[in-house]
Amino acid sequence: MNENKYYRVYSEYLKKIYHQKVYKLPVNLPITCPNRLGGRKGCAFCAEVGTGFEAMNSSISVREQLETTKEKIQRKYKAEKFIAYFQNYTNTFMPLDQFETYMREAASFPDIVELSISTRPDCIRDDYLELLHKIQLEYDVRITIELGLQTANYHTLAQIQRGHGLAEYIDSVLRIHRYPFEVCTHLILNLPGDTMQDVIETAKIVSVLGSEIVKLHSLYIARNTVLSKAYENGTIQICSKEEYLERLLTFIAYLDPTIVVERLFSRVPEEEAIFSNWNTSWWKLKDEALTRMEERGIYQGKEFHYRNGPALSKI
């Protein structure tokens, strides 16, 4: 089934920009995040290894990580262009001069066409953005900043110990958009405490703020996390697969049709989680979601009519 009929697919988006397939090369830096300082253990869903499941050890230099991963991807997919993806923890949470060293090392690496930098809304500041703009101009690379919002429900953000609220996300997106950068917003559509109304409101907020890309995650429970303890003792429940699919379809329907959708479900090694995707492969879940979209006439932007004073149409 052709998924491009139902939402803007990330791989096709990259092809239109670069006129060929482009692959991400994950890079791990020796960093942490502000939510792990002072004895805190980070977000309730975050494991000690962060989210860098596919990357190499952070003690290895940026260049060596890129060289090794590039060789593997080239051999397997015959790829020629790549995105340096700084994915683990909070990649702007370091001194500016150190940040500059890492970014320049990646930007100057052969065949890198884009830097994708994963961080938090409360770790975006003007001087870091200005530095990235200089690097963008100097090395002729695109810049994407990936922001972990997870949900627009600030009550849920507090419950999962996120360490920031909705205002920080709004502020960071507005600051980033002063530059020719793109924002990729990470969202979890089935956090404990969130309802369908939260899914709708989250779709609306990322749409009106103009996030260029969204990366959707189904909540998985990583081992040795705050959520894993709550899940094992029964104090939290995860919605059913059917409920998640309903939330996913609703989110897509309310999402601005110009926004690119990078992912619909989490992808995590089974050994890293005590719960993931209802024991179903992500590609089977995607097929099921597409079938439901086809049967019910759901497509991206179907409910995108809430901007520019919609109530005035009643006059």
C-alpha atoms as a PDB file:
ATOM      1  CA  MET A   1       0.000   0.000   0.000  1.00  0.00           C
ATOM      2  CA  ASN A   2       1.341   3.423  -0.997  1.00  0.00           C
ATOM      3  CA  GLU A   3       1.781   5.401   2.226  1.00  0.00           C
ATOM      4  CA  ASN A   4       2.357   8.634   0.288  1.00  0.00           C
ATOM      5  CA  LYS A   5      -1.401   8.734  -0.359  1.00  0.00           C
ATOM      6  CA  TYR A   6      -2.069   9.262   3.347  1.00  0.00           C
ATOM      7  CA  TYR A   7       0.756  11.408   4.718  1.00  0.00           C
ATOM      8  CA  ARG A   8       3.998  13.138   3.699  1.00  0.00           C
ATOM      9  CA  VAL A   9       6.664  10.469   3.921  1.00  0.00           C
ATOM     10  CA  TYR A  10      10.134  11.479   5.139  1.00  0.00           C
ATOM     11  CA  SER A  11      12.107   9.339   2.686  1.00  0.00           C
ATOM     12  CA  GLU A  12      10.268  10.896  -0.267  1.00  0.00           C
ATOM     13  CA  TYR A  13      10.834  14.352   1.191  1.00  0.00           C
ATOM     14  CA  LEU A  14      14.586  13.730   1.300  1.00  0.00           C
ATOM     15  CA  LYS A  15      14.579  12.464  -2.295  1.00  0.00           C
ATOM     16  CA  LYS A  16      12.953  15.693  -3.467  1.00  0.00           C
ATOM     17  CA  ILE A  17      15.581  17.772  -1.687  1.00  0.00           C
ATOM     18  CA  TYR A  18      18.686  15.751  -2.562  1.00  0.00           C
ATOM     19  CA  HIS A  19      17.457  13.939  -5.719  1.00  0.00           C
ATOM     20  CA  GLN A  20      18.674  10.622  -4.326  1.00  0.00           C
ATOM     21  CA  LYS A  21      18.381   8.452  -1.261  1.00  0.00           C
ATOM     22  CA  VAL A  22      20.047   9.958   1.803  1.00  0.00           C
ATOM     23  CA  TYR A  23      20.831   8.001   4.950  1.00  0.00           C
ATOM     24  CA  LYS A  24      21.338   9.061   8.556  1.00  0.00           C
ATOM     25  CA  LEU A  25      24.617   8.247  10.249  1.00  0.00           C
ATOM     26  CA  PRO A  26      23.990   8.207  14.032  1.00  0.00           C
ATOM     27  CA  VAL A  27      26.624   9.822  16.226  1.00  0.00           C
ATOM     28  CA  ASN A  28      26.860   9.586  20.011  1.00  0.00           C
ATOM     29  CA  LEU A  29      28.654  12.298  21.958  1.00  0.00           C
ATOM     30  CA  PRO A  30      30.048  11.967  25.518  1.00  0.00           C
ATOM     31  CA  ILE A  31      27.269  14.085  27.027  1.00  0.00           C
ATOM     32  CA  THR A  32      24.280  13.917  29.341  1.00  0.00           C
ATOM     33  CA  CYS A  33      21.193  16.087  29.762  1.00  0.00           C
ATOM     34  CA  PRO A  34      20.128  18.741  32.306  1.00  0.00           C
ATOM     35  CA  ASN A  35      17.433  16.414  33.569  1.00  0.00           C
ATOM     36  CA  ARG A  36      20.117  14.054  34.880  1.00  0.00           C
ATOM     37  CA  LEU A  37      21.959  16.551  37.058  1.00  0.00           C
ATOM     38  CA  GLY A  38      21.742  16.753  40.827  1.00  0.00           C
ATOM     39  CA  GLY A  39      20.868  13.106  41.311  1.00  0.00           C
ATOM     40  CA  ARG A  40      17.897  13.163  38.946  1.00  0.00           C
ATOM     41  CA  LYS A  41      17.464  10.155  36.680  1.00  0.00           C
ATOM     42  CA  GLY A  42      16.054  11.912  33.666  1.00  0.00           C
ATOM     43  CA  CYS A  43      12.652  11.560  32.059  1.00  0.00           C
ATOM     44  CA  ALA A  44      10.527   8.707  33.343  1.00  0.00           C
ATOM     45  CA  PHE A  45      10.830   6.848  30.027  1.00  0.00           C
ATOM     46  CA  CYS A  46      14.556   7.410  29.447  1.00  0.00           C
ATOM     47  CA  ALA A  47      17.077   4.626  30.068  1.00  0.00           C
ATOM     48  CA  GLU A  48      20.676   5.114  31.187  1.00  0.00           C
ATOM     49  CA  VAL A  49      21.862   4.732  27.592  1.00  0.00           C
ATOM     50  CA  GLY A  50      19.537   7.479  26.429  1.00  0.00           C
ATOM     51  CA  THR A  51      18.089   6.790  22.987  1.00  0.00           C
ATOM     52  CA  GLY A  52      21.263   5.972  21.069  1.00  0.00           C
ATOM     53  CA  PHE A  53      20.503   2.321  20.417  1.00  0.00           C
ATOM     54  CA  GLU A  54      21.985   2.230  16.909  1.00  0.00           C
ATOM     55  CA  ALA A  55      25.071   4.364  17.424  1.00  0.00           C
ATOM     56  CA  MET A  56      28.637   3.570  18.412  1.00  0.00           C
ATOM     57  CA  ASN A  57      30.262   4.241  21.759  1.00  0.00           C
ATOM     58  CA  SER A  58      30.487   7.938  22.617  1.00  0.00           C
ATOM     59  CA  SER A  59      34.216   7.616  23.438  1.00  0.00           C
ATOM     60  CA  ILE A  60      34.924   7.152  19.727  1.00  0.00           C
ATOM     61  CA  SER A  61      35.614  10.353  17.787  1.00  0.00           C
ATOM     62  CA  VAL A  62      32.923  11.878  15.604  1.00  0.00           C
ATOM     63  CA  ARG A  63      34.983  11.291  12.470  1.00  0.00           C
ATOM     64  CA  GLU A  64      35.615   7.628  13.261  1.00  0.00           C
ATOM     65  CA  GLN A  65      31.925   7.036  14.012  1.00  0.00           C
ATOM     66  CA  LEU A  66      30.965   8.633  10.706  1.00  0.00           C
ATOM     67  CA  GLU A  67      33.616   6.719   8.766  1.00  0.00           C
ATOM     68  CA  THR A  68      32.630   3.345  10.199  1.00  0.00           C
ATOM     69  CA  THR A  69      28.878   3.795   9.813  1.00  0.00           C
ATOM     70  CA  LYS A  70      29.208   5.367   6.365  1.00  0.00           C
ATOM     71  CA  GLU A  71      31.189   2.378   5.130  1.00  0.00           C
ATOM     72  CA  LYS A  72      28.490  -0.028   6.345  1.00  0.00           C
ATOM     73  CA  ILE A  73      25.650   1.973   4.804  1.00  0.00           C
ATOM     74  CA  GLN A  74      27.492   2.433   1.511  1.00  0.00           C
ATOM     75  CA  ARG A  75      28.197  -1.273   1.271  1.00  0.00           C
ATOM     76  CA  LYS A  76      24.590  -2.214   2.027  1.00  0.00           C
ATOM     77  CA  TYR A  77      22.623   0.503   0.185  1.00  0.00           C
ATOM     78  CA  LYS A  78      25.118   2.043  -2.284  1.00  0.00           C
ATOM     79  CA  ALA A  79      24.409   5.397  -0.645  1.00  0.00           C
ATOM     80  CA  GLU A  80      26.324   8.533  -1.602  1.00  0.00           C
ATOM     81  CA  LYS A  81      24.927  11.319   0.612  1.00  0.00           C
ATOM     82  CA  PHE A  82      24.431  11.307   4.376  1.00  0.00           C
ATOM     83  CA  ILE A  83      23.005  13.127   7.380  1.00  0.00           C
ATOM     84  CA  ALA A  84      25.113  13.315  10.531  1.00  0.00           C
ATOM     85  CA  TYR A  85      22.547  12.546  13.222  1.00  0.00           C
ATOM     86  CA  PHE A  86      23.481  13.588  16.761  1.00  0.00           C
ATOM     87  CA  GLN A  87      20.794  11.552  18.448  1.00  0.00           C
ATOM     88  CA  ASN A  88      21.636  10.686  22.037  1.00  0.00           C
ATOM     89  CA  TYR A  89      20.759  12.713  25.159  1.00  0.00           C
ATOM     90  CA  THR A  90      20.893  16.532  24.729  1.00  0.00           C
ATOM     91  CA  ASN A  91      23.383  17.569  22.076  1.00  0.00           C
ATOM     92  CA  THR A  92      23.370  21.291  22.796  1.00  0.00           C
ATOM     93  CA  PHE A  93      23.975  20.738  26.515  1.00  0.00           C
ATOM     94  CA  MET A  94      27.695  21.484  26.463  1.00  0.00           C
ATOM     95  CA  PRO A  95      29.968  24.545  26.329  1.00  0.00           C
ATOM     96  CA  LEU A  96      29.624  26.461  23.077  1.00  0.00           C
ATOM     97  CA  ASP A  97      33.250  25.949  22.005  1.00  0.00           C
ATOM     98  CA  GLN A  98      32.982  22.195  22.502  1.00  0.00           C
ATOM     99  CA  PHE A  99      29.698  22.134  20.589  1.00  0.00           C
ATOM    100  CA  GLU A 100      31.355  24.019  17.740  1.00  0.00           C
ATOM    101  CA  THR A 101      34.188  21.475  17.532  1.00  0.00           C
ATOM    102  CA  TYR A 102      31.785  18.547  17.171  1.00  0.00           C
ATOM    103  CA  MET A 103      29.562  20.306  14.637  1.00  0.00           C
ATOM    104  CA  ARG A 104      32.465  21.406  12.456  1.00  0.00           C
ATOM    105  CA  GLU A 105      33.952  17.921  12.535  1.00  0.00           C
ATOM    106  CA  ALA A 106      30.706  16.498  11.203  1.00  0.00           C
ATOM    107  CA  ALA A 107      29.968  19.280   8.708  1.00  0.00           C
ATOM    108  CA  SER A 108      33.418  18.930   7.115  1.00  0.00           C
ATOM    109  CA  PHE A 109      33.141  15.153   6.742  1.00  0.00           C
ATOM    110  CA  PRO A 110      32.889  14.001   3.091  1.00  0.00           C
ATOM    111  CA  ASP A 111      29.383  13.575   1.645  1.00  0.00           C
ATOM    112  CA  ILE A 112      27.577  15.022   4.681  1.00  0.00           C
ATOM    113  CA  VAL A 113      24.721  17.171   3.400  1.00  0.00           C
ATOM    114  CA  GLU A 114      22.880  17.822   6.654  1.00  0.00           C
ATOM    115  CA  LEU A 115      23.360  17.997  10.414  1.00  0.00           C
ATOM    116  CA  SER A 116      20.457  16.706  12.496  1.00  0.00           C
ATOM    117  CA  ILE A 117      20.818  17.680  16.139  1.00  0.00           C
ATOM    118  CA  SER A 118      18.619  16.140  18.797  1.00  0.00           C
ATOM    119  CA  THR A 119      18.072  18.273  21.899  1.00  0.00           C
ATOM    120  CA  ARG A 120      15.532  19.624  24.378  1.00  0.00           C
ATOM    121  CA  PRO A 121      13.367  22.752  24.164  1.00  0.00           C
ATOM    122  CA  ASP A 122      15.060  24.168  27.271  1.00  0.00           C
ATOM    123  CA  CYS A 123      18.509  23.822  25.667  1.00  0.00           C
ATOM    124  CA  ILE A 124      18.030  26.164  22.711  1.00  0.00           C
ATOM    125  CA  ARG A 125      19.794  29.511  22.953  1.00  0.00           C
ATOM    126  CA  ASP A 126      20.539  32.250  20.463  1.00  0.00           C
ATOM    127  CA  ASP A 127      24.347  31.931  20.503  1.00  0.00           C
ATOM    128  CA  TYR A 128      24.145  28.200  19.671  1.00  0.00           C
ATOM    129  CA  LEU A 129      21.755  28.943  16.812  1.00  0.00           C
ATOM    130  CA  GLU A 130      23.989  31.710  15.500  1.00  0.00           C
ATOM    131  CA  LEU A 131      26.949  29.315  15.531  1.00  0.00           C
ATOM    132  CA  LEU A 132      24.961  26.707  13.597  1.00  0.00           C
ATOM    133  CA  HIS A 133      24.033  29.324  11.021  1.00  0.00           C
ATOM    134  CA  LYS A 134      27.705  30.187  10.482  1.00  0.00           C
ATOM    135  CA  ILE A 135      28.523  26.500  10.048  1.00  0.00           C
ATOM    136  CA  GLN A 136      25.607  26.111   7.652  1.00  0.00           C
ATOM    137  CA  LEU A 137      26.894  28.929   5.454  1.00  0.00           C
ATOM    138  CA  GLU A 138      30.527  27.861   5.662  1.00  0.00           C
ATOM    139  CA  TYR A 139      30.012  24.183   4.822  1.00  0.00           C
ATOM    140  CA  ASP A 140      26.797  24.431   2.783  1.00  0.00           C
ATOM    141  CA  VAL A 141      24.870  21.914   4.888  1.00  0.00           C
ATOM    142  CA  ARG A 142      21.237  21.883   5.913  1.00  0.00           C
ATOM    143  CA  ILE A 143      20.418  22.073   9.637  1.00  0.00           C
ATOM    144  CA  THR A 144      17.591  20.200  11.346  1.00  0.00           C
ATOM    145  CA  ILE A 145      17.012  20.560  15.077  1.00  0.00           C
ATOM    146  CA  GLU A 146      15.083  17.726  16.670  1.00  0.00           C
ATOM    147  CA  LEU A 147      13.108  18.785  19.734  1.00  0.00           C
ATOM    148  CA  GLY A 148      11.673  16.301  22.200  1.00  0.00           C
ATOM    149  CA  LEU A 149       8.286  17.724  23.137  1.00  0.00           C
ATOM    150  CA  GLN A 150       6.456  14.354  23.584  1.00  0.00           C
ATOM    151  CA  THR A 151       3.075  15.963  24.359  1.00  0.00           C
ATOM    152  CA  ALA A 152       1.472  19.390  24.551  1.00  0.00           C
ATOM    153  CA  ASN A 153      -0.149  18.436  27.874  1.00  0.00           C
ATOM    154  CA  TYR A 154       2.059  20.201  30.412  1.00  0.00           C
ATOM    155  CA  HIS A 155       0.479  18.215  33.248  1.00  0.00           C
ATOM    156  CA  THR A 156       1.701  15.016  31.606  1.00  0.00           C
ATOM    157  CA  LEU A 157       5.117  16.595  31.018  1.00  0.00           C
ATOM    158  CA  ALA A 158       5.371  17.163  34.769  1.00  0.00           C
ATOM    159  CA  GLN A 159       4.217  13.623  35.552  1.00  0.00           C
ATOM    160  CA  ILE A 160       6.873  12.050  33.333  1.00  0.00           C
ATOM    161  CA  GLN A 161       9.509  14.310  34.907  1.00  0.00           C
ATOM    162  CA  ARG A 162      10.305  15.942  31.626  1.00  0.00           C
ATOM    163  CA  GLY A 163      11.853  18.981  33.279  1.00  0.00           C
ATOM    164  CA  HIS A 164      10.262  21.570  30.998  1.00  0.00           C
ATOM    165  CA  GLY A 165       6.791  22.670  30.005  1.00  0.00           C
ATOM    166  CA  LEU A 166       5.001  23.693  26.838  1.00  0.00           C
ATOM    167  CA  ALA A 167       6.251  27.297  26.906  1.00  0.00           C
ATOM    168  CA  GLU A 168       9.865  26.216  26.456  1.00  0.00           C
ATOM    169  CA  TYR A 169       8.912  24.325  23.305  1.00  0.00           C
ATOM    170  CA  ILE A 170       7.073  27.338  21.891  1.00  0.00           C
ATOM    171  CA  ASP A 171      10.010  29.611  22.677  1.00  0.00           C
ATOM    172  CA  SER A 172      12.562  27.248  21.113  1.00  0.00           C
ATOM    173  CA  VAL A 173      10.595  26.803  17.874  1.00  0.00           C
ATOM    174  CA  LEU A 174      10.164  30.560  17.481  1.00  0.00           C
ATOM    175  CA  ARG A 175      13.893  31.097  18.022  1.00  0.00           C
ATOM    176  CA  ILE A 176      14.935  28.322  15.636  1.00  0.00           C
ATOM    177  CA  HIS A 177      12.668  29.685  12.920  1.00  0.00           C
ATOM    178  CA  ARG A 178      14.584  32.951  12.877  1.00  0.00           C
ATOM    179  CA  TYR A 179      17.136  30.935  10.918  1.00  0.00           C
ATOM    180  CA  PRO A 180      16.853  28.779   7.771  1.00  0.00           C
ATOM    181  CA  PHE A 181      16.679  25.632   9.899  1.00  0.00           C
ATOM    182  CA  GLU A 182      14.035  22.944  10.137  1.00  0.00           C
ATOM    183  CA  VAL A 183      12.381  21.689  13.313  1.00  0.00           C
ATOM    184  CA  CYS A 184      11.615  18.023  13.826  1.00  0.00           C
ATOM    185  CA  THR A 185       9.317  17.487  16.809  1.00  0.00           C
ATOM    186  CA  HIS A 186       9.356  14.167  18.649  1.00  0.00           C
ATOM    187  CA  LEU A 187       5.995  13.087  20.076  1.00  0.00           C
ATOM    188  CA  ILE A 188       4.689  10.126  22.071  1.00  0.00           C
ATOM    189  CA  LEU A 189       0.996   9.654  21.340  1.00  0.00           C
ATOM    190  CA  ASN A 190       0.114   7.340  24.231  1.00  0.00           C
ATOM    191  CA  LEU A 191       1.761   8.653  27.380  1.00  0.00           C
ATOM    192  CA  PRO A 192      -0.073   7.639  30.588  1.00  0.00           C
ATOM    193  CA  GLY A 193      -2.517  10.414  31.456  1.00  0.00           C
ATOM    194  CA  ASP A 194      -2.941  11.713  27.920  1.00  0.00           C
ATOM    195  CA  THR A 195      -6.300  11.459  26.172  1.00  0.00           C
ATOM    196  CA  MET A 196      -7.460  11.750  22.586  1.00  0.00           C
ATOM    197  CA  GLN A 197      -8.043  15.456  23.194  1.00  0.00           C
ATOM    198  CA  ASP A 198      -4.367  15.830  24.076  1.00  0.00           C
ATOM    199  CA  VAL A 199      -3.444  14.123  20.805  1.00  0.00           C
ATOM    200  CA  ILE A 200      -5.596  16.586  18.877  1.00  0.00           C
ATOM    201  CA  GLU A 201      -4.242  19.617  20.723  1.00  0.00           C
ATOM    202  CA  THR A 202      -0.665  18.436  20.203  1.00  0.00           C
ATOM    203  CA  ALA A 203      -1.273  18.072  16.457  1.00  0.00           C
ATOM    204  CA  LYS A 204      -2.711  21.584  16.393  1.00  0.00           C
ATOM    205  CA  ILE A 205       0.170  23.162  18.307  1.00  0.00           C
ATOM    206  CA  VAL A 206       2.965  21.628  16.211  1.00  0.00           C
ATOM    207  CA  SER A 207       0.996  22.631  13.111  1.00  0.00           C
ATOM    208  CA  VAL A 208       0.398  26.275  13.974  1.00  0.00           C
ATOM    209  CA  LEU A 209       4.002  26.679  15.142  1.00  0.00           C
ATOM    210  CA  GLY A 210       5.197  25.298  11.823  1.00  0.00           C
ATOM    211  CA  SER A 211       7.288  22.305  12.811  1.00  0.00           C
ATOM    212  CA  GLU A 212       8.557  21.061   9.461  1.00  0.00           C
ATOM    213  CA  ILE A 213       8.839  17.412  10.531  1.00  0.00           C
ATOM    214  CA  VAL A 214       7.277  15.237  13.214  1.00  0.00           C
ATOM    215  CA  LYS A 215       8.633  11.943  14.482  1.00  0.00           C
ATOM    216  CA  LEU A 216       5.924   9.913  16.202  1.00  0.00           C
ATOM    217  CA  HIS A 217       6.637   7.298  18.843  1.00  0.00           C
ATOM    218  CA  SER A 218       4.521   4.623  20.438  1.00  0.00           C
ATOM    219  CA  LEU A 219       5.508   4.480  24.094  1.00  0.00           C
ATOM    220  CA  TYR A 220       7.894   1.662  24.906  1.00  0.00           C
ATOM    221  CA  ILE A 221       9.005   0.788  28.424  1.00  0.00           C
ATOM    222  CA  ALA A 222      12.792   0.633  28.647  1.00  0.00           C
ATOM    223  CA  ARG A 223      14.382  -1.452  31.374  1.00  0.00           C
ATOM    224  CA  ASN A 224      15.503   0.179  34.633  1.00  0.00           C
ATOM    225  CA  THR A 225      13.499   3.358  34.221  1.00  0.00           C
ATOM    226  CA  VAL A 226      10.938   5.121  36.384  1.00  0.00           C
ATOM    227  CA  LEU A 227       8.225   3.979  33.989  1.00  0.00           C
ATOM    228  CA  SER A 228       9.406   0.371  34.060  1.00  0.00           C
ATOM    229  CA  LYS A 229       8.901   0.231  37.821  1.00  0.00           C
ATOM    230  CA  ALA A 230       5.461   1.805  37.534  1.00  0.00           C
ATOM    231  CA  TYR A 231       4.527  -0.581  34.722  1.00  0.00           C
ATOM    232  CA  GLU A 232       5.689  -3.652  36.626  1.00  0.00           C
ATOM    233  CA  ASN A 233       3.819  -2.731  39.823  1.00  0.00           C
ATOM    234  CA  GLY A 234       0.677  -1.835  37.886  1.00  0.00           C
ATOM    235  CA  THR A 235       0.452   1.853  38.754  1.00  0.00           C
ATOM    236  CA  ILE A 236       0.381   2.843  35.077  1.00  0.00           C
ATOM    237  CA  GLN A 237      -1.312   1.268  32.096  1.00  0.00           C
ATOM    238  CA  ILE A 238      -0.513   1.515  28.419  1.00  0.00           C
ATOM    239  CA  CYS A 239      -3.386   1.936  26.019  1.00  0.00           C
ATOM    240  CA  SER A 240      -4.305  -0.918  23.716  1.00  0.00           C
ATOM    241  CA  LYS A 241      -2.959  -1.275  20.209  1.00  0.00           C
ATOM    242  CA  GLU A 242      -6.395  -0.356  18.857  1.00  0.00           C
ATOM    243  CA  GLU A 243      -6.471   2.832  20.930  1.00  0.00           C
ATOM    244  CA  TYR A 244      -3.004   3.818  19.735  1.00  0.00           C
ATOM    245  CA  LEU A 245      -4.009   3.317  16.110  1.00  0.00           C
ATOM    246  CA  GLU A 246      -7.058   5.538  16.689  1.00  0.00           C
ATOM    247  CA  ARG A 247      -4.836   8.212  18.213  1.00  0.00           C
ATOM    248  CA  LEU A 248      -2.387   7.946  15.334  1.00  0.00           C
ATOM    249  CA  LEU A 249      -5.078   8.326  12.679  1.00  0.00           C
ATOM    250  CA  THR A 250      -6.620  11.269  14.539  1.00  0.00           C
ATOM    251  CA  PHE A 251      -3.242  12.983  14.878  1.00  0.00           C
ATOM    252  CA  ILE A 252      -2.555  12.575  11.161  1.00  0.00           C
ATOM    253  CA  ALA A 253      -5.988  13.974  10.299  1.00  0.00           C
ATOM    254  CA  TYR A 254      -5.401  17.147  12.352  1.00  0.00           C
ATOM    255  CA  LEU A 255      -1.808  17.638  11.212  1.00  0.00           C
ATOM    256  CA  ASP A 256      -0.914  20.396   8.748  1.00  0.00           C
ATOM    257  CA  PRO A 257      -0.598  18.557   5.400  1.00  0.00           C
ATOM    258  CA  THR A 258       2.712  20.296   4.635  1.00  0.00           C
ATOM    259  CA  ILE A 259       4.476  18.733   7.647  1.00  0.00           C
ATOM    260  CA  VAL A 260       6.666  15.703   6.947  1.00  0.00           C
ATOM    261  CA  VAL A 261       6.061  12.535   8.990  1.00  0.00           C
ATOM    262  CA  GLU A 262       9.307  10.720   9.711  1.00  0.00           C
ATOM    263  CA  ARG A 263       8.013   7.848  11.836  1.00  0.00           C
ATOM    264  CA  LEU A 264       4.728   6.392  13.123  1.00  0.00           C
ATOM    265  CA  PHE A 265       5.934   3.875  15.724  1.00  0.00           C
ATOM    266  CA  SER A 266       8.921   3.379  17.996  1.00  0.00           C
ATOM    267  CA  ARG A 267      11.707   1.078  16.923  1.00  0.00           C
ATOM    268  CA  VAL A 268      13.744  -0.363  19.760  1.00  0.00           C
ATOM    269  CA  PRO A 269      15.699  -3.611  20.258  1.00  0.00           C
ATOM    270  CA  GLU A 270      13.571  -6.140  22.142  1.00  0.00           C
ATOM    271  CA  GLU A 271      16.285  -6.712  24.739  1.00  0.00           C
ATOM    272  CA  GLU A 272      16.166  -3.038  25.711  1.00  0.00           C
ATOM    273  CA  ALA A 273      12.465  -2.961  26.637  1.00  0.00           C
ATOM    274  CA  ILE A 274       9.959  -4.807  28.801  1.00  0.00           C
ATOM    275  CA  PHE A 275       7.139  -3.513  26.590  1.00  0.00           C
ATOM    276  CA  SER A 276       7.262  -2.438  22.969  1.00  0.00           C
ATOM    277  CA  ASN A 277       4.586  -2.135  20.288  1.00  0.00           C
ATOM    278  CA  TRP A 278       2.243  -4.739  21.754  1.00  0.00           C
ATOM    279  CA  ASN A 279       4.645  -7.507  20.666  1.00  0.00           C
ATOM    280  CA  THR A 280       4.043  -6.556  17.050  1.00  0.00           C
ATOM    281  CA  SER A 281       6.635  -5.468  14.492  1.00  0.00           C
ATOM    282  CA  TRP A 282       6.497  -1.792  13.579  1.00  0.00           C
ATOM    283  CA  TRP A 283       6.002  -2.537   9.877  1.00  0.00           C
ATOM    284  CA  LYS A 284       2.951  -4.711  10.607  1.00  0.00           C
ATOM    285  CA  LEU A 285       1.542  -1.895  12.716  1.00  0.00           C
ATOM    286  CA  LYS A 286       2.154   0.528   9.858  1.00  0.00           C
ATOM    287  CA  ASP A 287       0.342  -1.750   7.417  1.00  0.00           C
ATOM    288  CA  GLU A 288      -2.586  -1.940   9.821  1.00  0.00           C
ATOM    289  CA  ALA A 289      -2.672   1.847  10.183  1.00  0.00           C
ATOM    290  CA  LEU A 290      -2.608   2.340   6.402  1.00  0.00           C
ATOM    291  CA  THR A 291      -5.416  -0.175   5.952  1.00  0.00           C
ATOM    292  CA  ARG A 292      -7.553   1.747   8.436  1.00  0.00           C
ATOM    293  CA  MET A 293      -6.772   5.029   6.680  1.00  0.00           C
ATOM    294  CA  GLU A 294      -7.821   3.501   3.360  1.00  0.00           C
ATOM    295  CA  GLU A 295     -11.042   2.051   4.761  1.00  0.00           C
ATOM    296  CA  ARG A 296     -12.085   5.234   6.563  1.00  0.00           C
ATOM    297  CA  GLY A 297     -10.858   7.880   4.160  1.00  0.00           C
ATOM    298  CA  ILE A 298      -8.327   9.312   6.620  1.00  0.00           C
ATOM    299  CA  TYR A 299      -5.454  11.395   5.277  1.00  0.00           C
ATOM    300  CA  GLN A 300      -3.077  14.033   6.590  1.00  0.00           C
ATOM    301  CA  GLY A 301      -4.793  17.393   6.998  1.00  0.00           C
ATOM    302  CA  LYS A 302      -8.362  16.141   6.681  1.00  0.00           C
ATOM    303  CA  GLU A 303      -9.258  18.082   9.860  1.00  0.00           C
ATOM    304  CA  PHE A 304      -6.807  20.938   9.270  1.00  0.00           C
ATOM    305  CA  HIS A 305      -9.334  23.760   9.341  1.00  0.00           C
ATOM    306  CA  TYR A 306      -8.710  25.381  12.719  1.00  0.00           C
ATOM    307  CA  ARG A 307      -6.434  28.289  11.682  1.00  0.00           C
ATOM    308  CA  ASN A 308      -7.191  31.828  10.524  1.00  0.00           C
ATOM    309  CA  GLY A 309     -10.406  32.485  12.447  1.00  0.00           C
ATOM    310  CA  PRO A 310     -12.497  29.444  11.453  1.00  0.00           C
ATOM    311  CA  ALA A 311     -15.512  30.606  13.494  1.00  0.00           C
ATOM    312  CA  LEU A 312     -15.874  33.629  11.194  1.00  0.00           C
ATOM    313  CA  SER A 313     -17.103  31.296   8.487  1.00  0.00           C
ATOM    314  CA  LYS A 314     -20.387  31.111  10.452  1.00  0.00           C
ATOM    315  CA  ILE A 315     -21.142  34.792   9.948  1.00  0.00           C
END
